């Protein structure tokens, strides 16, 4: 039988090793995903937002600050749709009950605003400038913790969501993902 001292020492050694192993496993999953979608980022974003993005679309901008603590950070991408792509995309969203007309619900607006406070590490859609369009909000926190689904998103322990806004005036699709 191990003494308390030896057991404590064993735990002190094993815990960092297990933590490092979990980080390596998560990184390998991210690498697999980046290899899979390297030549086809629109498929990745289509999968992320549960809606097909037309293949004639162009990624205009991408930012992310993931890379510190595993699965902690945010990303923001802007995708330009062509006029033909716009029509196809709108037809697709009309068939999908996950999309709603703007404006975004107030509690979602507050959650998005938390991460766009003006410092250089903050970024995200300026939703006050988008007046004409539709949005999709995926609450991954509530998916993982269904008992919290009725709790206001701003009163939870963490933010884990994806918000997508399609601006009808510019034909731009804004995809913003937050994980805390």
N, C-alpha and C. Protein backbone atom coordinates (compact mmCIF):
# COMPACT_ATOMS: atom_id res chain seq x y z
N UNK A 1 0.85 -1.18 0.00
CA UNK A 1 0.00 0.00 0.00
C UNK A 1 0.89 1.24 0.00
N UNK A 2 0.53 2.23 -0.82
CA UNK A 2 1.31 3.46 -0.89
C UNK A 2 1.02 4.36 0.31
N UNK A 3 2.06 4.96 0.83
CA UNK A 3 1.85 5.91 1.92
C UNK A 3 1.24 7.19 1.36
N UNK A 4 0.68 8.00 2.24
CA UNK A 4 0.07 9.26 1.81
C UNK A 4 1.08 10.16 1.11
N UNK A 5 2.29 10.16 1.60
CA UNK A 5 3.34 10.99 1.01
C UNK A 5 3.67 10.54 -0.42
N UNK A 6 3.81 9.22 -0.60
CA UNK A 6 4.11 8.69 -1.93
C UNK A 6 2.94 8.91 -2.87
N UNK A 7 1.73 8.76 -2.39
CA UNK A 7 0.54 8.97 -3.21
C UNK A 7 0.45 10.44 -3.63
N UNK A 8 0.72 11.35 -2.71
CA UNK A 8 0.71 12.78 -3.03
C UNK A 8 1.76 13.10 -4.08
N UNK A 9 2.94 12.56 -3.93
CA UNK A 9 4.02 12.78 -4.89
C UNK A 9 3.64 12.23 -6.26
N UNK A 10 3.04 11.06 -6.28
CA UNK A 10 2.60 10.46 -7.52
C UNK A 10 1.56 11.35 -8.22
N UNK A 11 0.61 11.86 -7.46
CA UNK A 11 -0.41 12.74 -8.03
C UNK A 11 0.19 14.05 -8.55
N UNK A 12 1.16 14.57 -7.82
CA UNK A 12 1.83 15.81 -8.23
C UNK A 12 2.55 15.60 -9.56
N UNK A 13 3.10 14.43 -9.77
CA UNK A 13 3.80 14.13 -11.02
C UNK A 13 2.81 13.81 -12.13
N UNK A 14 1.77 13.04 -11.84
CA UNK A 14 0.83 12.61 -12.87
C UNK A 14 -0.07 13.72 -13.39
N UNK A 15 -0.50 14.63 -12.52
CA UNK A 15 -1.44 15.66 -12.95
C UNK A 15 -0.88 16.51 -14.10
N UNK A 16 0.32 17.07 -13.98
CA UNK A 16 0.85 17.85 -15.12
C UNK A 16 1.03 17.02 -16.38
N UNK A 17 1.40 15.76 -16.21
CA UNK A 17 1.55 14.90 -17.38
C UNK A 17 0.21 14.67 -18.07
N UNK A 18 -0.83 14.42 -17.29
CA UNK A 18 -2.16 14.23 -17.87
C UNK A 18 -2.67 15.51 -18.53
N UNK A 19 -2.40 16.65 -17.92
CA UNK A 19 -2.80 17.92 -18.50
C UNK A 19 -2.08 18.16 -19.82
N UNK A 20 -0.79 17.90 -19.85
CA UNK A 20 -0.01 18.05 -21.09
C UNK A 20 -0.52 17.10 -22.16
N UNK A 21 -0.83 15.88 -21.78
CA UNK A 21 -1.34 14.90 -22.74
C UNK A 21 -2.68 15.35 -23.32
N UNK A 22 -3.56 15.89 -22.50
CA UNK A 22 -4.85 16.37 -23.01
C UNK A 22 -4.66 17.54 -23.98
N UNK A 23 -3.70 18.41 -23.70
CA UNK A 23 -3.40 19.52 -24.62
C UNK A 23 -2.87 19.00 -25.95
N UNK A 24 -2.01 18.01 -25.90
CA UNK A 24 -1.46 17.42 -27.13
C UNK A 24 -2.57 16.76 -27.94
N UNK A 25 -3.44 16.04 -27.28
CA UNK A 25 -4.56 15.39 -27.98
C UNK A 25 -5.45 16.43 -28.63
N UNK A 26 -5.78 17.51 -27.91
CA UNK A 26 -6.63 18.56 -28.46
C UNK A 26 -5.95 19.23 -29.65
N UNK A 27 -4.65 19.51 -29.52
CA UNK A 27 -3.92 20.12 -30.63
C UNK A 27 -3.91 19.22 -31.85
N UNK A 28 -3.78 17.91 -31.64
CA UNK A 28 -3.77 17.00 -32.78
C UNK A 28 -5.14 16.98 -33.46
N UNK A 29 -6.22 17.11 -32.69
CA UNK A 29 -7.55 17.20 -33.30
C UNK A 29 -7.66 18.47 -34.13
N UNK A 30 -7.14 19.58 -33.60
CA UNK A 30 -7.18 20.84 -34.35
C UNK A 30 -6.33 20.76 -35.61
N UNK A 31 -5.17 20.09 -35.52
CA UNK A 31 -4.31 19.93 -36.69
C UNK A 31 -5.03 19.09 -37.74
N UNK A 32 -5.67 18.00 -37.31
CA UNK A 32 -6.43 17.17 -38.25
C UNK A 32 -7.49 17.99 -38.96
N UNK A 33 -8.19 18.82 -38.19
CA UNK A 33 -9.24 19.65 -38.76
C UNK A 33 -8.65 20.67 -39.74
N UNK A 34 -7.52 21.28 -39.37
CA UNK A 34 -6.93 22.29 -40.25
C UNK A 34 -6.41 21.66 -41.54
N UNK A 35 -5.88 20.42 -41.45
CA UNK A 35 -5.44 19.72 -42.66
C UNK A 35 -6.65 19.39 -43.53
N UNK A 36 -7.71 18.92 -42.91
CA UNK A 36 -8.91 18.53 -43.65
C UNK A 36 -9.49 19.71 -44.43
N UNK A 37 -9.49 20.90 -43.83
CA UNK A 37 -10.14 22.05 -44.44
C UNK A 37 -9.18 23.06 -45.04
N UNK A 38 -7.88 22.75 -45.07
CA UNK A 38 -6.89 23.72 -45.53
C UNK A 38 -7.23 24.26 -46.92
N UNK A 39 -7.59 23.40 -47.83
CA UNK A 39 -7.89 23.82 -49.19
C UNK A 39 -9.37 24.11 -49.41
N UNK A 40 -10.17 23.98 -48.38
CA UNK A 40 -11.60 24.21 -48.52
C UNK A 40 -12.19 24.82 -47.24
N UNK A 41 -11.77 26.06 -46.91
CA UNK A 41 -12.27 26.67 -45.66
C UNK A 41 -13.77 26.90 -45.66
N UNK A 42 -14.38 27.09 -46.83
CA UNK A 42 -15.83 27.32 -46.86
C UNK A 42 -16.60 26.11 -46.35
N UNK A 43 -16.08 24.91 -46.58
CA UNK A 43 -16.73 23.70 -46.04
C UNK A 43 -16.67 23.70 -44.51
N UNK A 44 -15.53 24.12 -43.98
CA UNK A 44 -15.39 24.21 -42.52
C UNK A 44 -16.41 25.20 -41.96
N UNK A 45 -16.51 26.38 -42.55
CA UNK A 45 -17.46 27.38 -42.05
C UNK A 45 -18.89 26.93 -42.26
N UNK A 46 -19.16 26.24 -43.36
CA UNK A 46 -20.51 25.70 -43.58
C UNK A 46 -20.88 24.73 -42.47
N UNK A 47 -19.92 23.89 -42.10
CA UNK A 47 -20.15 22.93 -41.02
C UNK A 47 -20.34 23.66 -39.69
N UNK A 48 -19.54 24.70 -39.47
CA UNK A 48 -19.61 25.47 -38.22
C UNK A 48 -20.98 26.11 -38.04
N UNK A 49 -21.55 26.64 -39.12
CA UNK A 49 -22.81 27.38 -39.01
C UNK A 49 -24.02 26.56 -39.42
N UNK A 50 -23.80 25.28 -39.74
CA UNK A 50 -24.91 24.38 -40.05
C UNK A 50 -25.71 24.85 -41.27
N UNK A 51 -25.05 25.57 -42.17
CA UNK A 51 -25.69 26.10 -43.37
C UNK A 51 -24.66 26.16 -44.48
N UNK A 52 -25.00 25.65 -45.66
CA UNK A 52 -24.05 25.64 -46.77
C UNK A 52 -23.75 27.06 -47.25
N UNK A 53 -22.46 27.37 -47.33
CA UNK A 53 -22.00 28.64 -47.86
C UNK A 53 -21.67 28.41 -49.33
N UNK A 54 -22.18 29.24 -50.23
CA UNK A 54 -21.91 29.04 -51.66
C UNK A 54 -20.40 29.00 -51.96
N UNK A 55 -20.02 28.12 -52.88
CA UNK A 55 -18.60 27.91 -53.18
C UNK A 55 -17.96 29.09 -53.92
N UNK A 56 -18.76 29.98 -54.47
CA UNK A 56 -18.18 31.15 -55.16
C UNK A 56 -17.93 32.31 -54.19
N UNK A 57 -18.02 32.05 -52.90
CA UNK A 57 -17.78 33.07 -51.87
C UNK A 57 -16.28 33.20 -51.60
N UNK A 58 -15.90 34.33 -50.98
CA UNK A 58 -14.50 34.61 -50.71
C UNK A 58 -14.30 35.00 -49.25
N UNK A 59 -13.31 34.39 -48.60
CA UNK A 59 -12.97 34.79 -47.24
C UNK A 59 -12.19 36.10 -47.32
N UNK A 60 -12.75 37.17 -46.74
CA UNK A 60 -12.11 38.48 -46.78
C UNK A 60 -11.16 38.71 -45.61
N UNK A 61 -11.53 38.20 -44.44
CA UNK A 61 -10.75 38.48 -43.24
C UNK A 61 -10.94 37.34 -42.25
N UNK A 62 -9.84 37.00 -41.56
CA UNK A 62 -9.91 35.99 -40.51
C UNK A 62 -8.97 36.41 -39.39
N UNK A 63 -9.49 36.36 -38.16
CA UNK A 63 -8.69 36.63 -36.97
C UNK A 63 -9.05 35.58 -35.93
N UNK A 64 -8.06 35.20 -35.14
CA UNK A 64 -8.38 34.39 -33.96
C UNK A 64 -7.29 34.57 -32.92
N UNK A 65 -7.67 34.35 -31.68
CA UNK A 65 -6.70 34.44 -30.59
C UNK A 65 -6.72 33.17 -29.74
N UNK A 66 -7.11 32.05 -30.36
CA UNK A 66 -6.99 30.76 -29.69
C UNK A 66 -5.50 30.44 -29.60
N UNK A 67 -5.14 29.53 -28.73
CA UNK A 67 -3.75 29.13 -28.68
C UNK A 67 -3.17 29.16 -27.29
N UNK A 68 -3.82 29.84 -26.38
CA UNK A 68 -3.36 29.83 -25.00
C UNK A 68 -3.90 28.59 -24.32
N UNK A 69 -4.79 28.77 -23.38
CA UNK A 69 -5.42 27.64 -22.71
C UNK A 69 -6.25 26.89 -23.75
N UNK A 70 -6.20 25.56 -23.78
CA UNK A 70 -6.91 24.80 -24.81
C UNK A 70 -8.39 25.17 -24.88
N UNK A 71 -8.84 25.41 -26.08
CA UNK A 71 -10.25 25.72 -26.37
C UNK A 71 -10.72 27.02 -25.72
N UNK A 72 -9.84 27.97 -25.54
CA UNK A 72 -10.19 29.26 -24.95
C UNK A 72 -9.75 30.35 -25.90
N UNK A 73 -10.69 31.15 -26.37
CA UNK A 73 -10.37 32.23 -27.30
C UNK A 73 -11.58 32.60 -28.12
N UNK A 74 -11.35 33.40 -29.14
CA UNK A 74 -12.42 33.73 -30.07
C UNK A 74 -11.86 33.88 -31.47
N UNK A 75 -12.75 33.73 -32.45
CA UNK A 75 -12.36 33.88 -33.84
C UNK A 75 -13.45 34.66 -34.56
N UNK A 76 -13.03 35.31 -35.63
CA UNK A 76 -13.95 36.15 -36.40
C UNK A 76 -13.55 36.07 -37.86
N UNK A 77 -14.51 35.75 -38.70
CA UNK A 77 -14.26 35.66 -40.14
C UNK A 77 -15.35 36.45 -40.87
N UNK A 78 -14.95 37.11 -41.95
CA UNK A 78 -15.91 37.78 -42.82
C UNK A 78 -15.80 37.13 -44.19
N UNK A 79 -16.93 36.70 -44.72
CA UNK A 79 -16.99 36.04 -46.02
C UNK A 79 -17.88 36.87 -46.95
N UNK A 80 -17.35 37.18 -48.13
CA UNK A 80 -18.10 37.94 -49.13
C UNK A 80 -18.83 36.96 -50.04
N UNK A 81 -20.14 37.12 -50.15
CA UNK A 81 -20.93 36.31 -51.07
C UNK A 81 -21.17 37.09 -52.35
N UNK A 82 -21.23 36.39 -53.47
CA UNK A 82 -21.58 37.02 -54.73
C UNK A 82 -23.09 37.25 -54.74
N UNK A 83 -23.58 37.96 -55.74
CA UNK A 83 -25.03 38.18 -55.83
C UNK A 83 -25.76 36.85 -56.00
N UNK A 84 -25.23 36.00 -56.88
CA UNK A 84 -25.84 34.68 -57.07
C UNK A 84 -25.74 33.86 -55.78
N UNK A 85 -24.58 33.91 -55.11
CA UNK A 85 -24.39 33.20 -53.85
C UNK A 85 -25.35 33.69 -52.78
N UNK A 86 -25.59 35.00 -52.78
CA UNK A 86 -26.54 35.60 -51.82
C UNK A 86 -27.91 34.97 -51.96
N UNK A 87 -28.38 34.89 -53.21
CA UNK A 87 -29.72 34.34 -53.46
C UNK A 87 -29.80 32.88 -53.01
N UNK A 88 -28.77 32.11 -53.32
CA UNK A 88 -28.72 30.70 -52.90
C UNK A 88 -28.70 30.59 -51.38
N UNK A 89 -27.87 31.41 -50.75
CA UNK A 89 -27.73 31.37 -49.29
C UNK A 89 -29.05 31.73 -48.61
N UNK A 90 -29.72 32.76 -49.09
CA UNK A 90 -31.00 33.18 -48.48
C UNK A 90 -32.05 32.08 -48.63
N UNK A 91 -32.08 31.43 -49.79
CA UNK A 91 -33.02 30.32 -49.98
C UNK A 91 -32.74 29.20 -48.97
N UNK A 92 -31.45 28.93 -48.73
CA UNK A 92 -31.07 27.89 -47.78
C UNK A 92 -31.49 28.27 -46.36
N UNK A 93 -31.26 29.52 -45.97
CA UNK A 93 -31.61 29.94 -44.61
C UNK A 93 -33.11 30.01 -44.41
N UNK A 94 -33.86 30.28 -45.48
CA UNK A 94 -35.32 30.31 -45.37
C UNK A 94 -35.88 28.94 -44.98
N UNK A 95 -35.16 27.89 -45.36
CA UNK A 95 -35.58 26.52 -45.05
C UNK A 95 -35.08 26.04 -43.70
N UNK A 96 -34.27 26.85 -43.04
CA UNK A 96 -33.63 26.47 -41.79
C UNK A 96 -34.17 27.35 -40.67
N UNK A 97 -34.86 26.76 -39.71
CA UNK A 97 -35.50 27.54 -38.65
C UNK A 97 -34.51 28.09 -37.61
N UNK A 98 -33.21 27.88 -37.81
CA UNK A 98 -32.22 28.39 -36.88
C UNK A 98 -31.87 29.86 -37.16
N UNK A 99 -32.31 30.38 -38.27
CA UNK A 99 -32.00 31.76 -38.66
C UNK A 99 -33.17 32.66 -38.30
N UNK A 100 -32.85 33.88 -37.84
CA UNK A 100 -33.87 34.86 -37.45
C UNK A 100 -33.54 36.21 -38.08
N UNK A 101 -34.55 37.05 -38.20
CA UNK A 101 -34.33 38.40 -38.71
C UNK A 101 -33.69 39.27 -37.64
N UNK A 102 -32.85 40.21 -38.10
CA UNK A 102 -32.29 41.19 -37.17
C UNK A 102 -33.42 42.05 -36.63
N UNK A 103 -33.30 42.64 -35.47
CA UNK A 103 -32.13 42.75 -34.61
C UNK A 103 -31.92 41.49 -33.76
N UNK A 104 -30.68 41.34 -33.32
CA UNK A 104 -30.31 40.23 -32.45
C UNK A 104 -30.92 40.45 -31.07
N UNK A 105 -31.34 39.35 -30.44
CA UNK A 105 -31.92 39.45 -29.10
C UNK A 105 -30.96 40.18 -28.16
N UNK A 106 -31.53 40.96 -27.26
CA UNK A 106 -30.75 41.83 -26.39
C UNK A 106 -29.69 41.07 -25.57
N UNK A 107 -30.03 39.92 -24.99
CA UNK A 107 -29.04 39.20 -24.18
C UNK A 107 -27.88 38.68 -25.04
N UNK A 108 -28.15 38.33 -26.30
CA UNK A 108 -27.07 37.93 -27.20
C UNK A 108 -26.19 39.13 -27.55
N UNK A 109 -26.82 40.29 -27.76
CA UNK A 109 -26.05 41.51 -28.05
C UNK A 109 -25.09 41.83 -26.91
N UNK A 110 -25.57 41.69 -25.69
CA UNK A 110 -24.71 41.95 -24.52
C UNK A 110 -23.54 40.98 -24.48
N UNK A 111 -23.79 39.70 -24.76
CA UNK A 111 -22.72 38.70 -24.74
C UNK A 111 -21.67 39.01 -25.81
N UNK A 112 -22.10 39.41 -26.98
CA UNK A 112 -21.17 39.76 -28.05
C UNK A 112 -20.37 41.00 -27.66
N UNK A 113 -21.01 41.96 -27.06
CA UNK A 113 -20.35 43.21 -26.67
C UNK A 113 -19.26 43.03 -25.64
N UNK A 114 -19.36 41.99 -24.82
CA UNK A 114 -18.33 41.71 -23.80
C UNK A 114 -16.97 41.53 -24.46
N UNK A 115 -16.94 40.99 -25.65
CA UNK A 115 -15.69 40.65 -26.31
C UNK A 115 -15.26 41.68 -27.35
N UNK A 116 -15.94 42.78 -27.43
CA UNK A 116 -15.57 43.83 -28.39
C UNK A 116 -15.44 45.14 -27.62
N UNK A 117 -14.48 45.17 -26.69
CA UNK A 117 -14.35 46.33 -25.81
C UNK A 117 -13.30 47.33 -26.27
N UNK A 118 -12.80 47.19 -27.50
CA UNK A 118 -11.92 48.21 -28.06
C UNK A 118 -10.43 47.96 -27.87
N UNK A 119 -10.02 47.00 -27.01
CA UNK A 119 -8.57 46.79 -26.91
C UNK A 119 -8.10 45.98 -28.11
N UNK A 120 -6.80 45.96 -28.34
CA UNK A 120 -6.28 45.36 -29.56
C UNK A 120 -6.49 43.85 -29.64
N UNK A 121 -6.71 43.18 -28.52
CA UNK A 121 -6.96 41.75 -28.53
C UNK A 121 -8.44 41.42 -28.70
N UNK A 122 -9.29 42.44 -28.67
CA UNK A 122 -10.72 42.23 -28.84
C UNK A 122 -11.10 42.45 -30.30
N UNK A 123 -11.98 41.64 -30.75
CA UNK A 123 -12.49 41.82 -32.10
C UNK A 123 -13.80 41.09 -32.22
N UNK A 124 -14.55 41.43 -33.21
CA UNK A 124 -15.84 40.81 -33.44
C UNK A 124 -16.68 41.72 -34.29
N UNK A 125 -17.86 41.28 -34.63
CA UNK A 125 -18.71 42.08 -35.50
C UNK A 125 -19.24 43.31 -34.78
N UNK A 126 -19.24 44.44 -35.47
CA UNK A 126 -19.89 45.63 -34.92
C UNK A 126 -21.35 45.54 -35.31
N UNK A 127 -22.13 44.89 -34.47
CA UNK A 127 -23.52 44.60 -34.82
C UNK A 127 -24.38 45.85 -34.91
N UNK A 128 -23.92 46.95 -34.33
CA UNK A 128 -24.71 48.19 -34.42
C UNK A 128 -24.73 48.74 -35.84
N UNK A 129 -23.76 48.34 -36.68
CA UNK A 129 -23.70 48.84 -38.05
C UNK A 129 -24.49 47.99 -39.04
N UNK A 130 -24.92 46.81 -38.62
CA UNK A 130 -25.65 45.91 -39.52
C UNK A 130 -27.14 46.03 -39.18
N UNK A 131 -27.87 46.62 -40.08
CA UNK A 131 -29.30 46.90 -39.81
C UNK A 131 -30.24 45.99 -40.58
N UNK A 132 -29.80 45.47 -41.70
CA UNK A 132 -30.67 44.74 -42.60
C UNK A 132 -30.07 43.36 -42.85
N UNK A 133 -30.65 42.32 -42.24
CA UNK A 133 -30.11 40.99 -42.43
C UNK A 133 -30.74 39.96 -41.54
N UNK A 134 -30.03 38.85 -41.42
CA UNK A 134 -30.49 37.73 -40.60
C UNK A 134 -29.33 37.26 -39.73
N UNK A 135 -29.66 36.51 -38.68
CA UNK A 135 -28.62 35.98 -37.81
C UNK A 135 -28.95 34.57 -37.34
N UNK A 136 -27.89 33.89 -36.92
CA UNK A 136 -27.96 32.55 -36.37
C UNK A 136 -27.14 32.57 -35.10
N UNK A 137 -27.69 32.04 -34.02
CA UNK A 137 -26.97 32.00 -32.75
C UNK A 137 -26.96 30.57 -32.26
N UNK A 138 -25.76 30.01 -32.11
CA UNK A 138 -25.61 28.65 -31.58
C UNK A 138 -24.99 28.73 -30.20
N UNK A 139 -25.73 28.30 -29.22
CA UNK A 139 -25.31 28.34 -27.82
C UNK A 139 -24.74 26.98 -27.44
N UNK A 140 -23.43 26.81 -27.64
CA UNK A 140 -22.78 25.53 -27.35
C UNK A 140 -22.73 25.24 -25.86
N UNK A 141 -22.73 26.27 -25.03
CA UNK A 141 -22.74 26.06 -23.58
C UNK A 141 -24.03 25.34 -23.18
N UNK A 142 -25.16 25.82 -23.69
CA UNK A 142 -26.44 25.20 -23.37
C UNK A 142 -26.55 23.78 -23.95
N UNK A 143 -25.88 23.56 -25.09
CA UNK A 143 -25.87 22.21 -25.67
C UNK A 143 -25.13 21.23 -24.74
N UNK A 144 -24.05 21.70 -24.13
CA UNK A 144 -23.26 20.84 -23.24
C UNK A 144 -23.83 20.76 -21.83
N UNK A 145 -24.55 21.79 -21.41
CA UNK A 145 -25.14 21.84 -20.07
C UNK A 145 -26.62 22.21 -20.20
N UNK A 146 -27.46 21.25 -20.62
CA UNK A 146 -28.88 21.54 -20.87
C UNK A 146 -29.61 22.14 -19.67
N UNK A 147 -29.16 21.79 -18.47
CA UNK A 147 -29.82 22.34 -17.27
C UNK A 147 -29.62 23.85 -17.16
N UNK A 148 -28.64 24.40 -17.89
CA UNK A 148 -28.37 25.83 -17.88
C UNK A 148 -29.04 26.57 -19.05
N UNK A 149 -29.76 25.86 -19.90
CA UNK A 149 -30.30 26.46 -21.11
C UNK A 149 -31.29 27.60 -20.85
N UNK A 150 -31.93 27.57 -19.70
CA UNK A 150 -32.90 28.63 -19.37
C UNK A 150 -32.24 29.82 -18.66
N UNK A 151 -30.98 29.66 -18.26
CA UNK A 151 -30.25 30.73 -17.58
C UNK A 151 -29.80 31.75 -18.62
N UNK A 152 -29.98 33.03 -18.34
CA UNK A 152 -29.53 34.08 -19.25
C UNK A 152 -28.06 33.86 -19.58
N UNK A 153 -27.73 33.98 -20.84
CA UNK A 153 -26.36 33.72 -21.31
C UNK A 153 -25.33 34.57 -20.57
N UNK A 154 -25.71 35.75 -20.11
CA UNK A 154 -24.79 36.65 -19.43
C UNK A 154 -24.63 36.34 -17.94
N UNK A 155 -25.37 35.35 -17.44
CA UNK A 155 -25.28 34.96 -16.03
C UNK A 155 -24.68 33.57 -15.85
N UNK A 156 -23.99 33.07 -16.85
CA UNK A 156 -23.41 31.73 -16.79
C UNK A 156 -21.93 31.80 -16.43
N UNK A 157 -21.36 30.62 -16.18
CA UNK A 157 -19.94 30.52 -15.81
C UNK A 157 -19.03 30.75 -17.01
N UNK A 158 -19.52 30.50 -18.21
CA UNK A 158 -18.68 30.62 -19.40
C UNK A 158 -19.52 31.03 -20.60
N UNK A 159 -18.82 31.59 -21.57
CA UNK A 159 -19.43 31.89 -22.87
C UNK A 159 -18.87 30.89 -23.86
N UNK A 160 -19.74 30.15 -24.50
CA UNK A 160 -19.36 29.24 -25.59
C UNK A 160 -20.46 29.34 -26.63
N UNK A 161 -20.24 30.19 -27.63
CA UNK A 161 -21.27 30.39 -28.63
C UNK A 161 -20.66 30.75 -29.97
N UNK A 162 -21.49 30.62 -31.00
CA UNK A 162 -21.17 31.09 -32.33
C UNK A 162 -22.34 31.95 -32.77
N UNK A 163 -22.05 33.15 -33.24
CA UNK A 163 -23.08 34.01 -33.81
C UNK A 163 -22.68 34.30 -35.25
N UNK A 164 -23.66 34.21 -36.12
CA UNK A 164 -23.44 34.46 -37.55
C UNK A 164 -24.44 35.52 -37.98
N UNK A 165 -23.94 36.53 -38.66
CA UNK A 165 -24.82 37.59 -39.16
C UNK A 165 -24.60 37.71 -40.66
N UNK A 166 -25.67 37.66 -41.42
CA UNK A 166 -25.58 37.90 -42.85
C UNK A 166 -26.17 39.28 -43.12
N UNK A 167 -25.32 40.17 -43.61
CA UNK A 167 -25.69 41.55 -43.90
C UNK A 167 -26.21 41.62 -45.34
N UNK A 168 -27.53 41.87 -45.49
CA UNK A 168 -28.14 41.94 -46.81
C UNK A 168 -27.59 43.10 -47.64
N UNK A 169 -27.19 44.19 -46.98
CA UNK A 169 -26.73 45.39 -47.70
C UNK A 169 -25.35 45.21 -48.32
N UNK A 170 -24.50 44.39 -47.72
CA UNK A 170 -23.13 44.23 -48.22
C UNK A 170 -22.84 42.82 -48.74
N UNK A 171 -23.79 41.89 -48.56
CA UNK A 171 -23.61 40.48 -48.91
C UNK A 171 -22.43 39.85 -48.15
N UNK A 172 -22.19 40.33 -46.93
CA UNK A 172 -21.11 39.79 -46.12
C UNK A 172 -21.67 38.93 -45.00
N UNK A 173 -21.00 37.82 -44.80
CA UNK A 173 -21.35 36.88 -43.75
C UNK A 173 -20.30 37.02 -42.65
N UNK A 174 -20.73 37.35 -41.45
CA UNK A 174 -19.86 37.53 -40.29
C UNK A 174 -20.04 36.33 -39.37
N UNK A 175 -18.95 35.59 -39.11
CA UNK A 175 -19.00 34.42 -38.24
C UNK A 175 -18.09 34.69 -37.05
N UNK A 176 -18.67 34.71 -35.85
CA UNK A 176 -17.94 35.04 -34.64
C UNK A 176 -18.12 33.91 -33.65
N UNK A 177 -17.01 33.33 -33.19
CA UNK A 177 -17.03 32.21 -32.25
C UNK A 177 -16.30 32.61 -30.98
N UNK A 178 -16.91 32.31 -29.84
CA UNK A 178 -16.33 32.64 -28.53
C UNK A 178 -16.33 31.39 -27.66
N UNK A 179 -15.18 31.14 -27.02
CA UNK A 179 -15.04 30.03 -26.05
C UNK A 179 -14.25 30.55 -24.87
N UNK A 180 -14.87 30.48 -23.68
CA UNK A 180 -14.16 30.92 -22.47
C UNK A 180 -14.08 29.78 -21.48
